[in-house]
Amino acid sequence: MARGKLRIIPLGGVGEIGKNMTVLEYGNSIIVVDCGVMFPKENMPGIDLVIPDVTYLLEKKHKVKAFFITHGHEDHIGALPYVLPNFEVPVYATKLTRGLISVKLREHKLLDSTDLRAAEFNQPIDCGPFRIEYFRVAHSVPDAAGLGIRTPIGTVVHTGDFKIDLSPIDAKPTDIRSLARLGTEGVQILLADSTGVERPGYTPSESTVGRALDEYIRNAEGRVIVATFSSLIARIQQIVNISAKHGRKVAFMGRSMTQNSRMALDLGYLSDPGGVILPWERVAQLPAGQITVLTTGAQGEPSSGLSRMANRDHRQIQIRKGDTVILSAAAIPGNEELVARNIDNLFELGATVIYGPEAHVHVSGHPGREELKILTSIISPKYLIPVHGEARHLILHARMAESIGMPPGHVLVPQNGRVMEFTEDSARFDGRVPADNVFVDGLGVGDIGDIVLRDRRHLSQDGVVIAVLTVDRRSGRPAGPVELISRGFVDGSDEPIMDDARKQLVKSLQGIHSSAAAEPSYIQNRARDILQKFLYERTKRRPMVLGLVVEV
């Protein structure tokens, strides 16, 4: 790379919601901001998580100096257990974020082998040619931070996820003073959160959620079950406080909810007024009107606490008439169907379900349009890069910046893998690096590709037909009955269409005359082609067809 140029490369988090990761490269040094996951979409059957493609970082492993994490949400820390084993470098995070990362690394047995360091607000960290300073921002998790990154070509500000909340639960608003100081000193590049740009005005304060939660919990006659993100410590604190106020005890359900809350209690980010937090075994003995349960599952994750309750599959809690279930979260794009299914199931079981924008039990942690205008005015960057959003968010953010005076050529709308190159006086796109989705499926990381996903979608749509063929080893002709096995196509192998398909297949195989006829691969391909054509002509469906040849 030519001397005097800064390269900024998003490996995730732009043009999508999730798997945030941004690379800053200068000379022989690289730092990485965030390392998150994305929840799988509906067209990714069987996939557990989606993480960034770090091929570029592996190719330049000797350059990678450190990871800097802005806050403790899954879309910013969730990929660390899968990525960090490839890099022996420090990971910096603020106190609570470090605690949330520790819980995750301990679960994957990586905590002892990771150099996890605490970052203090407004205390610079030198890392090669970079000097990184954390500044406080208000978000839906305490200790969220933005980054002021001083580089040889000028200062880069990365906002992380933020909003300008003047009355946050923890009384620690976005540090406008630090933003103003950075702006006065001069900011070359601003990378700013774009998720809320469609929302006019300002994002409501987190404190407004408390009033709605108080009303629902106060009026509930039976048990109250609240589903939210386990990292929303401020939200959890509100629910604990309100429950204590109305004479309820609180139990945590779900592994991450239990682990994160215990960690937050240990670090002092979560308090227990009056000793209302108890194990479920003790809470379960109380009258229904004295019970609050905090659980995972606000996104409809199949194995989560709330999903198991909704599906009558939870070992400890069975939903019954009189329960009030509160979904204190907005559905992440792609999870809407899972969330809706849980809501339907909960209603059918007799629960009162509180959900959706009209319930006012959730507010966004991202800035509205006016907040983004204020940020841009305070920072006064030379160049703007909208980040953290789908394509429409990034483009609308760019248009908004231009509407308040930024020159169009100074706003770069990024794409995952597209390199942006900056000098003191210029900005341009300069090629691409690999930035595909990497799929986590069980214990496998990256071993599932697009072809496997295509096959899974195929199977889920039209099913599979397996032809078991017993053939003569020398001639390749049928030497026994042909067995057709159907799964997800028709009810059984005795269906008339399967009988006709069997006859068609036998007839076609008996009529082949070729020197290759005795080869199992030839017979398999021939059987597949015959069955695919026959079944489509009869049903207009395309099941996956597999051939299994047994030679005798």
Protein backbone atom coordinates (compact mmCIF):
# COMPACT_ATOMS: atom_id res chain seq x y z
CA MET A 1 0.00 0.00 0.00
CA ALA A 2 1.32 3.44 -0.89
CA ARG A 3 2.60 5.49 2.08
CA GLY A 4 0.22 8.10 3.43
CA LYS A 5 -3.04 6.31 2.64
CA LEU A 6 -5.67 5.04 5.06
CA ARG A 7 -7.84 2.15 3.93
CA ILE A 8 -11.25 1.59 5.53
CA ILE A 9 -12.92 -1.72 4.68
CA PRO A 10 -16.30 -2.88 6.04
CA LEU A 11 -16.32 -6.69 6.27
CA GLY A 12 -19.90 -6.67 7.56
CA GLY A 13 -22.65 -4.41 8.83
CA VAL A 14 -23.37 -2.32 5.73
CA GLY A 15 -26.24 -3.19 3.42
CA GLU A 16 -27.51 -5.44 6.23
CA ILE A 17 -28.38 -5.47 9.92
CA GLY A 18 -25.78 -7.45 11.83
CA LYS A 19 -22.24 -8.90 11.71
CA ASN A 20 -20.62 -5.50 12.13
CA MET A 21 -16.89 -5.43 11.44
CA THR A 22 -14.77 -2.59 10.06
CA VAL A 23 -11.07 -2.69 9.18
CA LEU A 24 -8.78 0.35 9.34
CA GLU A 25 -5.42 -0.18 7.64
CA TYR A 26 -2.43 2.16 7.46
CA GLY A 27 0.98 1.00 6.32
CA ASN A 28 1.81 -2.25 8.13
CA SER A 29 -0.89 -1.89 10.79
CA ILE A 30 -4.54 -2.97 10.93
CA ILE A 31 -7.08 -2.44 13.69
CA VAL A 32 -10.54 -3.99 13.66
CA VAL A 33 -13.66 -2.33 15.04
CA ASP A 34 -16.31 -4.81 16.29
CA CYS A 35 -16.82 -8.46 15.44
CA GLY A 36 -20.51 -9.34 15.35
CA VAL A 37 -22.97 -11.95 14.15
CA MET A 38 -26.11 -11.77 12.05
CA PHE A 39 -29.16 -13.93 12.67
CA PRO A 40 -29.89 -16.26 9.75
CA LYS A 41 -32.57 -15.28 7.26
CA GLU A 42 -35.50 -17.44 6.22
CA ASN A 43 -33.61 -18.65 3.13
CA MET A 44 -30.80 -20.08 5.30
CA PRO A 45 -32.37 -23.29 6.65
CA GLY A 46 -30.46 -25.01 9.44
CA ILE A 47 -27.95 -22.16 9.89
CA ASP A 48 -27.37 -21.01 13.48
CA LEU A 49 -25.42 -17.80 12.91
CA VAL A 50 -23.81 -15.77 10.14
CA ILE A 51 -20.39 -14.22 10.79
CA PRO A 52 -18.06 -11.98 8.75
CA ASP A 53 -15.61 -13.34 6.22
CA VAL A 54 -12.13 -12.64 7.64
CA THR A 55 -10.17 -13.98 4.67
CA TYR A 56 -8.59 -10.56 4.12
CA LEU A 57 -7.46 -10.35 7.74
CA LEU A 58 -6.01 -13.85 7.61
CA GLU A 59 -4.03 -12.94 4.50
CA LYS A 60 -2.59 -9.94 6.39
CA LYS A 61 -2.47 -11.58 9.79
CA HIS A 62 0.93 -10.09 10.58
CA LYS A 63 -0.56 -6.59 10.27
CA VAL A 64 -3.50 -7.07 12.65
CA LYS A 65 -2.71 -5.27 15.93
CA ALA A 66 -5.94 -5.30 17.96
CA PHE A 67 -9.73 -5.49 18.05
CA PHE A 68 -11.69 -2.55 19.48
CA ILE A 69 -15.29 -3.31 20.53
CA THR A 70 -17.84 -0.52 20.83
CA HIS A 71 -20.51 -2.28 22.95
CA GLY A 72 -21.87 -5.64 24.05
CA HIS A 73 -24.66 -6.47 21.60
CA GLU A 74 -24.50 -9.72 19.65
CA ASP A 75 -24.19 -7.95 16.30
CA HIS A 76 -20.94 -6.42 17.61
CA ILE A 77 -19.40 -9.18 19.78
CA GLY A 78 -21.08 -12.44 18.74
CA ALA A 79 -18.44 -13.53 16.21
CA LEU A 80 -15.49 -13.13 18.58
CA PRO A 81 -15.44 -16.82 19.66
CA TYR A 82 -15.20 -17.87 16.00
CA VAL A 83 -12.69 -15.23 14.85
CA LEU A 84 -10.31 -14.70 17.79
CA PRO A 85 -8.69 -18.17 17.69
CA ASN A 86 -7.07 -17.04 14.43
CA PHE A 87 -5.42 -13.95 15.94
CA GLU A 88 -3.17 -13.54 18.99
CA VAL A 89 -3.90 -9.86 19.55
CA PRO A 90 -5.52 -7.87 22.37
CA VAL A 91 -9.24 -7.09 22.46
CA TYR A 92 -10.22 -3.74 24.00
CA ALA A 93 -13.65 -3.01 25.48
CA THR A 94 -15.22 -0.92 28.24
CA LYS A 95 -15.98 -2.56 31.59
CA LEU A 96 -19.48 -3.98 31.02
CA THR A 97 -18.74 -4.83 27.38
CA ARG A 98 -15.68 -6.70 28.58
CA GLY A 99 -17.89 -8.57 31.04
CA LEU A 100 -20.37 -9.55 28.31
CA ILE A 101 -17.50 -10.72 26.09
CA SER A 102 -16.06 -12.71 28.99
CA VAL A 103 -19.34 -14.61 29.43
CA LYS A 104 -19.31 -15.51 25.75
CA LEU A 105 -15.63 -16.53 25.65
CA ARG A 106 -15.95 -18.58 28.83
CA GLU A 107 -18.81 -20.53 27.26
CA HIS A 108 -16.54 -21.37 24.30
CA LYS A 109 -13.58 -22.14 26.64
CA LEU A 110 -11.55 -19.27 25.15
CA LEU A 111 -11.42 -16.81 28.02
CA ASP A 112 -8.07 -17.94 29.44
CA SER A 113 -6.39 -17.77 26.02
CA THR A 114 -7.72 -14.31 25.10
CA ASP A 115 -5.94 -11.03 25.86
CA LEU A 116 -9.06 -9.10 26.90
CA ARG A 117 -8.23 -5.59 28.06
CA ALA A 118 -10.33 -2.90 29.73
CA ALA A 119 -10.64 0.43 27.92
CA GLU A 120 -11.36 3.57 29.93
CA PHE A 121 -13.39 6.45 28.55
CA ASN A 122 -11.28 9.38 27.32
CA GLN A 123 -8.01 7.52 27.99
CA PRO A 124 -6.06 7.14 24.69
CA ILE A 125 -4.72 3.75 23.59
CA ASP A 126 -1.72 3.73 21.27
CA CYS A 127 -1.70 0.97 18.67
CA GLY A 128 0.86 1.31 15.87
CA PRO A 129 0.13 4.51 13.94
CA PHE A 130 -3.33 4.72 15.54
CA ARG A 131 -4.32 6.42 18.79
CA ILE A 132 -7.80 5.30 19.88
CA GLU A 133 -9.97 7.12 22.40
CA TYR A 134 -13.26 5.74 23.70
CA PHE A 135 -16.06 8.25 24.34
CA ARG A 136 -19.38 7.47 26.00
CA VAL A 137 -22.59 7.19 23.98
CA ALA A 138 -26.15 6.44 25.09
CA HIS A 139 -27.51 3.21 23.67
CA SER A 140 -29.74 0.39 24.92
CA VAL A 141 -26.86 -1.23 26.81
CA PRO A 142 -24.66 0.54 29.39
CA ASP A 143 -21.01 1.34 28.68
CA ALA A 144 -21.61 1.74 24.93
CA ALA A 145 -18.90 3.75 23.23
CA GLY A 146 -17.87 5.54 20.11
CA LEU A 147 -14.25 5.77 19.00
CA GLY A 148 -12.07 8.72 18.15
CA ILE A 149 -9.23 7.26 16.08
CA ARG A 150 -6.29 9.52 15.31
CA THR A 151 -4.40 8.44 12.20
CA PRO A 152 -1.54 9.98 10.19
CA ILE A 153 -4.04 11.39 7.65
CA GLY A 154 -6.45 12.81 10.24
CA THR A 155 -9.00 11.82 12.87
CA VAL A 156 -11.64 9.16 12.23
CA VAL A 157 -14.76 9.08 14.41
CA HIS A 158 -16.77 5.86 14.61
CA THR A 159 -20.02 6.46 16.53
CA GLY A 160 -20.81 2.82 17.25
CA ASP A 161 -24.53 2.42 18.00
CA PHE A 162 -25.81 5.55 19.70
CA LYS A 163 -28.61 8.03 20.27
CA ILE A 164 -28.69 11.44 21.92
CA ASP A 165 -30.66 10.40 25.01
CA LEU A 166 -30.72 13.24 27.54
CA SER A 167 -32.33 11.15 30.30
CA PRO A 168 -30.92 7.62 30.07
CA ILE A 169 -31.61 5.10 32.82
CA ASP A 170 -27.99 5.09 33.99
CA ALA A 171 -27.81 8.92 33.92
CA LYS A 172 -24.87 8.73 31.51
CA PRO A 173 -25.86 10.46 28.25
CA THR A 174 -23.88 10.65 25.02
CA ASP A 175 -20.72 12.64 25.64
CA ILE A 176 -21.47 15.70 23.55
CA ARG A 177 -18.47 17.49 25.04
CA SER A 178 -16.05 14.91 23.65
CA LEU A 179 -17.79 15.00 20.27
CA ALA A 180 -17.52 18.80 20.22
CA ARG A 181 -13.85 18.63 21.18
CA LEU A 182 -13.12 16.18 18.37
CA GLY A 183 -15.06 18.37 15.95
CA THR A 184 -13.12 21.47 17.01
CA GLU A 185 -9.80 19.65 16.58
CA GLY A 186 -10.92 18.55 13.09
CA VAL A 187 -12.41 15.26 11.92
CA GLN A 188 -11.38 13.81 8.59
CA ILE A 189 -13.86 10.90 8.41
CA LEU A 190 -17.09 10.16 10.28
CA LEU A 191 -18.56 6.65 10.30
CA ALA A 192 -22.07 7.09 11.69
CA ASP A 193 -24.93 4.79 12.73
CA SER A 194 -27.64 4.88 10.02
CA THR A 195 -30.25 2.44 11.37
CA GLY A 196 -32.78 5.07 12.52
CA VAL A 197 -32.48 7.52 9.63
CA GLU A 198 -36.00 6.73 8.37
CA ARG A 199 -37.46 7.96 11.67
CA PRO A 200 -38.11 11.74 11.71
CA GLY A 201 -37.22 13.74 14.79
CA TYR A 202 -35.62 12.17 17.83
CA THR A 203 -35.60 8.67 19.30
CA PRO A 204 -37.51 8.51 22.61
CA SER A 205 -35.48 8.05 25.77
CA GLU A 206 -35.05 4.61 27.29
CA SER A 207 -36.71 6.02 30.41
CA THR A 208 -40.06 6.26 28.57
CA VAL A 209 -40.24 2.46 28.46
CA GLY A 210 -40.38 2.35 32.25
CA ARG A 211 -43.75 4.12 32.41
CA ALA A 212 -45.38 1.60 30.08
CA LEU A 213 -43.80 -1.40 31.82
CA ASP A 214 -44.94 -0.05 35.19
CA GLU A 215 -48.53 0.16 34.00
CA TYR A 216 -48.60 -3.37 32.58
CA ILE A 217 -46.90 -4.95 35.58
CA ARG A 218 -49.05 -3.04 38.07
CA ASN A 219 -52.28 -4.15 36.36
CA ALA A 220 -51.28 -7.78 35.77
CA GLU A 221 -53.19 -10.21 37.99
CA GLY A 222 -51.08 -13.29 37.32
CA ARG A 223 -47.47 -13.99 36.43
CA VAL A 224 -45.57 -11.47 34.29
CA ILE A 225 -43.12 -12.94 31.78
CA VAL A 226 -40.89 -10.40 30.02
CA ALA A 227 -38.79 -11.37 27.00
CA THR A 228 -35.93 -9.06 26.05
CA PHE A 229 -32.28 -9.18 25.01
CA SER A 230 -30.03 -10.47 27.76
CA SER A 231 -27.58 -7.61 27.10
CA LEU A 232 -30.18 -4.87 27.71
CA ILE A 233 -29.03 -4.39 31.29
CA ALA A 234 -30.78 -1.01 31.63
CA ARG A 235 -34.09 -2.59 30.55
CA ILE A 236 -33.57 -5.49 32.93
CA GLN A 237 -32.89 -3.02 35.75
CA GLN A 238 -36.16 -1.21 35.06
CA ILE A 239 -38.12 -4.45 35.19
CA VAL A 240 -36.43 -5.48 38.45
CA ASN A 241 -37.16 -2.06 40.02
CA ILE A 242 -40.80 -2.07 38.89
CA SER A 243 -41.31 -5.63 40.11
CA ALA A 244 -39.90 -4.70 43.53
CA LYS A 245 -42.19 -1.67 43.65
CA HIS A 246 -45.26 -3.87 43.10
CA GLY A 247 -44.30 -6.68 45.44
CA ARG A 248 -43.03 -9.17 42.88
CA LYS A 249 -39.99 -11.43 42.98
CA VAL A 250 -37.88 -11.86 39.84
CA ALA A 251 -36.43 -15.02 38.28
CA PHE A 252 -34.15 -15.21 35.25
CA MET A 253 -34.70 -17.83 32.55
CA GLY A 254 -32.41 -18.74 29.65
CA ARG A 255 -28.66 -19.34 29.76
CA SER A 256 -27.53 -15.95 28.44
CA MET A 257 -30.08 -14.05 30.55
CA THR A 258 -28.90 -15.83 33.69
CA GLN A 259 -25.18 -15.48 32.90
CA ASN A 260 -25.28 -11.84 31.78
CA SER A 261 -27.43 -10.74 34.73
CA ARG A 262 -25.15 -12.51 37.22
CA MET A 263 -22.14 -10.83 35.61
CA ALA A 264 -23.85 -7.39 35.69
CA LEU A 265 -24.72 -7.88 39.37
CA ASP A 266 -21.09 -8.78 40.14
CA LEU A 267 -19.78 -5.70 38.31
CA GLY A 268 -22.35 -3.36 39.85
CA TYR A 269 -24.21 -2.55 36.63
CA LEU A 270 -27.36 -4.27 37.94
CA SER A 271 -28.75 -3.81 41.43
CA ASP A 272 -31.21 -5.91 43.42
CA PRO A 273 -33.45 -3.60 45.48
CA GLY A 274 -34.85 -5.44 48.46
CA GLY A 275 -33.41 -8.80 47.38
CA VAL A 276 -36.16 -9.51 44.84
CA ILE A 277 -33.96 -11.56 42.47
CA LEU A 278 -34.31 -15.21 43.42
CA PRO A 279 -33.81 -18.65 41.84
CA TRP A 280 -36.84 -19.96 39.97
CA GLU A 281 -37.29 -22.78 42.47
CA ARG A 282 -38.13 -20.24 45.19
CA VAL A 283 -40.12 -17.90 42.97
CA ALA A 284 -42.25 -20.76 41.64
CA GLN A 285 -43.70 -21.34 45.13
CA LEU A 286 -45.17 -17.81 45.32
CA PRO A 287 -48.70 -16.75 44.30
CA ALA A 288 -48.92 -15.91 40.58
CA GLY A 289 -49.43 -12.21 41.28
CA GLN A 290 -46.02 -12.01 42.96
CA ILE A 291 -43.96 -13.49 40.10
CA THR A 292 -41.96 -11.81 37.34
CA VAL A 293 -39.87 -13.89 34.94
CA LEU A 294 -37.20 -12.36 32.70
CA THR A 295 -36.40 -14.62 29.76
CA THR A 296 -34.65 -14.84 26.44
CA GLY A 297 -36.58 -15.33 23.20
CA ALA A 298 -37.74 -11.88 22.13
CA GLN A 299 -36.59 -12.74 18.58
CA GLY A 300 -38.43 -16.09 18.43
CA GLU A 301 -35.21 -18.14 18.52
CA PRO A 302 -36.42 -21.78 18.47
CA SER A 303 -34.34 -22.93 21.44
CA SER A 304 -34.92 -19.84 23.59
CA GLY A 305 -36.88 -19.72 26.82
CA LEU A 306 -39.95 -17.93 25.47
CA SER A 307 -40.17 -20.13 22.37
CA ARG A 308 -40.10 -23.25 24.55
CA MET A 309 -42.85 -21.80 26.71
CA ALA A 310 -44.94 -20.91 23.66
CA ASN A 311 -44.47 -24.44 22.29
CA ARG A 312 -45.27 -26.17 25.63
CA ASP A 313 -41.73 -27.49 25.67
CA HIS A 314 -40.28 -25.64 28.69
CA ARG A 315 -39.19 -27.85 31.59
CA GLN A 316 -40.17 -25.36 34.30
CA ILE A 317 -42.81 -22.94 33.03
CA GLN A 318 -46.10 -23.79 31.32
CA ILE A 319 -48.07 -20.82 30.00
CA ARG A 320 -51.58 -20.63 31.44
CA LYS A 321 -54.57 -18.34 31.43
CA GLY A 322 -53.88 -15.21 33.47
CA ASP A 323 -50.20 -14.89 32.48
CA THR A 324 -49.09 -11.60 30.96
CA VAL A 325 -46.27 -11.92 28.43
CA ILE A 326 -44.40 -8.74 27.42
CA LEU A 327 -42.13 -8.69 24.36
CA SER A 328 -39.81 -5.81 25.20
CA ALA A 329 -37.91 -5.76 21.91
CA ALA A 330 -38.47 -5.04 18.23
CA ALA A 331 -38.16 -7.91 15.77
CA ILE A 332 -34.87 -7.89 13.90
CA PRO A 333 -35.49 -7.96 10.12
CA GLY A 334 -35.87 -11.60 9.11
CA ASN A 335 -37.21 -12.73 12.49
CA GLU A 336 -40.74 -11.38 12.07
CA GLU A 337 -42.31 -14.74 11.25
CA LEU A 338 -40.71 -16.50 14.23
CA VAL A 339 -41.86 -13.74 16.58
CA ALA A 340 -45.40 -13.77 15.16
CA ARG A 341 -45.61 -17.55 15.57
CA ASN A 342 -44.69 -17.27 19.25
CA ILE A 343 -47.26 -14.53 19.78
CA ASP A 344 -49.99 -16.66 18.20
CA ASN A 345 -49.05 -19.68 20.31
CA LEU A 346 -49.01 -17.61 23.50
CA PHE A 347 -52.48 -16.22 22.75
CA GLU A 348 -53.79 -19.73 22.10
CA LEU A 349 -52.46 -20.83 25.49
CA GLY A 350 -54.51 -18.13 27.19
CA ALA A 351 -51.86 -15.49 27.89
CA THR A 352 -52.29 -11.75 27.50
CA VAL A 353 -49.50 -10.72 25.12
CA ILE A 354 -48.10 -7.17 25.07
CA TYR A 355 -46.09 -6.42 21.92
CA GLY A 356 -45.51 -4.01 19.05
CA PRO A 357 -44.87 -0.26 18.78
CA GLU A 358 -48.27 0.68 20.18
CA ALA A 359 -47.45 -1.05 23.48
CA HIS A 360 -44.50 1.35 24.09
CA VAL A 361 -42.47 -1.39 25.81
CA HIS A 362 -39.43 -0.89 23.59
CA VAL A 363 -37.55 2.05 22.13
CA SER A 364 -34.77 2.01 19.60
CA GLY A 365 -31.18 2.52 20.60
CA HIS A 366 -30.42 4.30 17.33
CA PRO A 367 -30.65 7.99 16.38
CA GLY A 368 -33.50 9.57 14.48
CA ARG A 369 -32.95 11.94 11.59
CA GLU A 370 -32.61 15.10 13.68
CA GLU A 371 -30.04 13.45 15.94
CA LEU A 372 -27.96 12.53 12.89
CA LYS A 373 -28.12 16.15 11.73
CA ILE A 374 -26.96 17.32 15.15
CA LEU A 375 -24.11 14.80 15.15
CA THR A 376 -22.95 15.84 11.68
CA SER A 377 -23.05 19.52 12.65
CA ILE A 378 -21.06 18.95 15.83
CA ILE A 379 -18.42 16.78 14.17
CA SER A 380 -18.24 18.72 10.87
CA PRO A 381 -16.37 15.88 9.11
CA LYS A 382 -14.62 16.30 5.80
CA TYR A 383 -15.93 12.88 4.69
CA LEU A 384 -18.93 10.85 5.83
CA ILE A 385 -19.42 7.08 5.65
CA PRO A 386 -22.93 5.90 6.67
CA VAL A 387 -22.66 2.51 8.41
CA HIS A 388 -24.79 0.06 10.39
CA GLY A 389 -27.84 -0.27 8.18
CA GLU A 390 -29.44 -1.81 5.15
CA ALA A 391 -28.96 -0.23 1.73
CA ARG A 392 -31.89 2.16 2.07
CA HIS A 393 -30.62 3.41 5.44
CA LEU A 394 -27.16 4.16 4.06
CA ILE A 395 -28.50 5.95 0.98
CA LEU A 396 -31.06 7.98 2.96
CA HIS A 397 -28.33 8.95 5.43
CA ALA A 398 -26.12 10.09 2.54
CA ARG A 399 -28.94 12.17 1.08
CA MET A 400 -29.65 13.71 4.48
CA ALA A 401 -25.98 14.70 4.85
CA GLU A 402 -26.02 16.30 1.41
CA SER A 403 -29.21 18.18 2.32
CA ILE A 404 -27.41 19.93 5.19
CA GLY A 405 -24.44 20.96 3.10
CA MET A 406 -21.99 18.08 2.69
CA PRO A 407 -20.61 17.93 -0.87
CA PRO A 408 -21.87 14.77 -2.67
CA GLY A 409 -18.33 13.67 -3.47
CA HIS A 410 -17.51 13.69 0.24
CA VAL A 411 -20.17 11.12 1.17
CA LEU A 412 -19.16 7.52 0.43
CA VAL A 413 -21.92 4.88 0.60
CA PRO A 414 -20.04 1.69 1.51
CA GLN A 415 -20.50 -1.95 0.57
CA ASN A 416 -19.15 -4.98 2.39
CA GLY A 417 -15.69 -5.72 1.02
CA ARG A 418 -15.38 -2.50 -0.98
CA VAL A 419 -12.16 -0.70 -0.10
CA MET A 420 -12.28 3.04 0.64
CA GLU A 421 -8.93 4.80 0.41
CA PHE A 422 -8.23 8.20 2.01
CA THR A 423 -5.42 10.71 2.04
CA GLU A 424 -5.46 14.13 3.68
CA ASP A 425 -6.99 15.58 0.52
CA SER A 426 -8.82 12.75 -1.26
CA ALA A 427 -11.25 9.87 -0.92
CA ARG A 428 -11.98 7.13 -3.42
CA PHE A 429 -13.11 3.54 -3.79
CA ASP A 430 -10.23 1.21 -4.58
CA GLY A 431 -11.18 -2.37 -5.37
CA ARG A 432 -12.71 -5.14 -3.26
CA VAL A 433 -11.71 -7.82 -0.80
CA PRO A 434 -13.61 -11.03 0.12
CA ALA A 435 -16.62 -10.27 2.33
CA ASP A 436 -19.04 -13.15 1.91
CA ASN A 437 -21.31 -14.62 4.57
CA VAL A 438 -19.69 -17.35 6.66
CA PHE A 439 -22.23 -19.76 8.11
CA VAL A 440 -22.10 -21.37 11.55
CA ASP A 441 -23.99 -24.66 11.62
CA GLY A 442 -23.60 -26.58 14.86
CA LEU A 443 -19.86 -27.04 15.39
CA GLY A 444 -19.09 -26.27 11.75
CA VAL A 445 -17.82 -22.81 10.83
CA GLY A 446 -17.58 -21.98 7.15
CA ASP A 447 -18.07 -25.54 5.93
CA ILE A 448 -21.61 -24.79 4.74
CA GLY A 449 -21.73 -22.90 1.46
CA ASP A 450 -24.30 -21.63 -1.00
CA ILE A 451 -24.62 -25.02 -2.72
CA VAL A 452 -25.56 -26.73 0.55
CA LEU A 453 -28.07 -23.96 1.34
CA ARG A 454 -29.54 -24.33 -2.14
CA ASP A 455 -30.01 -28.06 -1.55
CA ARG A 456 -31.61 -27.41 1.83
CA ARG A 457 -34.05 -24.94 0.29
CA HIS A 458 -34.78 -27.45 -2.47
CA LEU A 459 -35.51 -30.16 0.09
CA SER A 460 -37.76 -27.84 2.09
CA GLN A 461 -39.81 -26.92 -0.98
CA ASP A 462 -40.43 -30.18 -2.91
CA GLY A 463 -38.89 -32.93 -0.79
CA VAL A 464 -36.70 -35.80 -1.88
CA VAL A 465 -37.11 -39.07 -3.79
CA ILE A 466 -34.43 -41.74 -3.38
CA ALA A 467 -34.15 -44.56 -5.93
CA VAL A 468 -32.50 -47.74 -4.64
CA LEU A 469 -31.40 -49.76 -7.71
CA THR A 470 -30.14 -53.34 -7.64
CA VAL A 471 -28.23 -53.95 -10.90
CA ASP A 472 -26.12 -56.60 -12.56
CA ARG A 473 -22.44 -55.78 -12.05
CA ARG A 474 -21.55 -56.68 -15.68
CA SER A 475 -24.45 -55.30 -17.72
CA GLY A 476 -25.82 -52.57 -15.47
CA ARG A 477 -29.38 -53.79 -16.03
CA PRO A 478 -31.89 -54.19 -13.17
CA ALA A 479 -31.31 -57.40 -11.22
CA GLY A 480 -34.05 -56.91 -8.65
CA PRO A 481 -36.97 -54.68 -7.73
CA VAL A 482 -36.49 -50.89 -7.79
CA GLU A 483 -37.34 -49.22 -4.48
CA LEU A 484 -38.43 -45.56 -4.39
CA ILE A 485 -38.38 -43.75 -1.05
CA SER A 486 -40.25 -40.45 -0.76
CA ARG A 487 -39.77 -37.84 1.95
CA GLY A 488 -41.62 -34.53 1.73
CA PHE A 489 -42.90 -35.30 -1.80
CA VAL A 490 -45.86 -37.69 -1.49
CA ASP A 491 -47.18 -39.62 1.51
CA GLY A 492 -45.49 -42.92 0.73
CA SER A 493 -43.83 -45.18 -1.79
CA ASP A 494 -47.13 -46.99 -2.45
CA GLU A 495 -48.74 -43.91 -4.02
CA PRO A 496 -49.91 -44.52 -7.65
CA ILE A 497 -47.51 -41.89 -8.99
CA MET A 498 -44.58 -43.67 -7.33
CA ASP A 499 -45.67 -46.99 -8.81
CA ASP A 500 -45.83 -45.41 -12.27
CA ALA A 501 -42.42 -43.79 -11.72
CA ARG A 502 -40.96 -47.16 -10.71
CA LYS A 503 -42.28 -48.82 -13.89
CA GLN A 504 -40.98 -45.96 -16.05
CA LEU A 505 -37.54 -46.21 -14.46
CA VAL A 506 -37.28 -50.00 -14.88
CA LYS A 507 -38.38 -49.77 -18.51
CA SER A 508 -35.83 -47.05 -19.29
CA LEU A 509 -32.95 -48.85 -17.59
CA GLN A 510 -33.73 -52.13 -19.34
CA GLY A 511 -33.52 -50.40 -22.69
CA ILE A 512 -30.07 -48.83 -22.33
CA HIS A 513 -27.21 -50.24 -24.41
CA SER A 514 -23.89 -48.57 -23.71
CA SER A 515 -20.39 -49.54 -22.75
CA ALA A 516 -20.78 -47.22 -19.78
CA ALA A 517 -24.03 -48.84 -18.65
CA ALA A 518 -22.34 -50.93 -15.98
CA GLU A 519 -20.80 -47.91 -14.26
CA PRO A 520 -22.71 -47.00 -11.06
CA SER A 521 -22.30 -43.26 -11.71
CA TYR A 522 -23.87 -43.66 -15.16
CA ILE A 523 -26.83 -45.57 -13.72
CA GLN A 524 -27.30 -43.02 -10.94
CA ASN A 525 -27.32 -40.08 -13.35
CA ARG A 526 -29.60 -41.90 -15.77
CA ALA A 527 -32.08 -42.76 -13.02
CA ARG A 528 -32.03 -39.18 -11.72
CA ASP A 529 -32.72 -37.70 -15.15
CA ILE A 530 -35.55 -40.14 -15.85
CA LEU A 531 -37.26 -39.57 -12.52
CA GLN A 532 -36.85 -35.78 -12.53
CA LYS A 533 -38.45 -35.54 -15.97
CA PHE A 534 -41.26 -37.99 -15.18
CA LEU A 535 -42.15 -36.48 -11.80
CA TYR A 536 -42.16 -32.92 -13.13
CA GLU A 537 -44.41 -33.86 -16.06
CA ARG A 538 -46.86 -35.51 -13.68
CA THR A 539 -46.81 -33.05 -10.77
CA LYS A 540 -45.06 -29.82 -11.91
CA ARG A 541 -42.89 -30.24 -8.80
CA ARG A 542 -39.15 -30.76 -8.66
CA PRO A 543 -38.16 -32.96 -5.72
CA MET A 544 -34.49 -33.63 -5.18
CA VAL A 545 -33.79 -37.04 -6.76
CA LEU A 546 -30.95 -39.24 -5.51
CA GLY A 547 -29.85 -42.61 -6.87
CA LEU A 548 -28.32 -45.40 -4.81
CA VAL A 549 -26.87 -48.31 -6.82
CA VAL A 550 -26.35 -51.78 -5.33
CA GLU A 551 -24.31 -54.10 -7.57
CA VAL A 552 -24.82 -57.88 -7.55
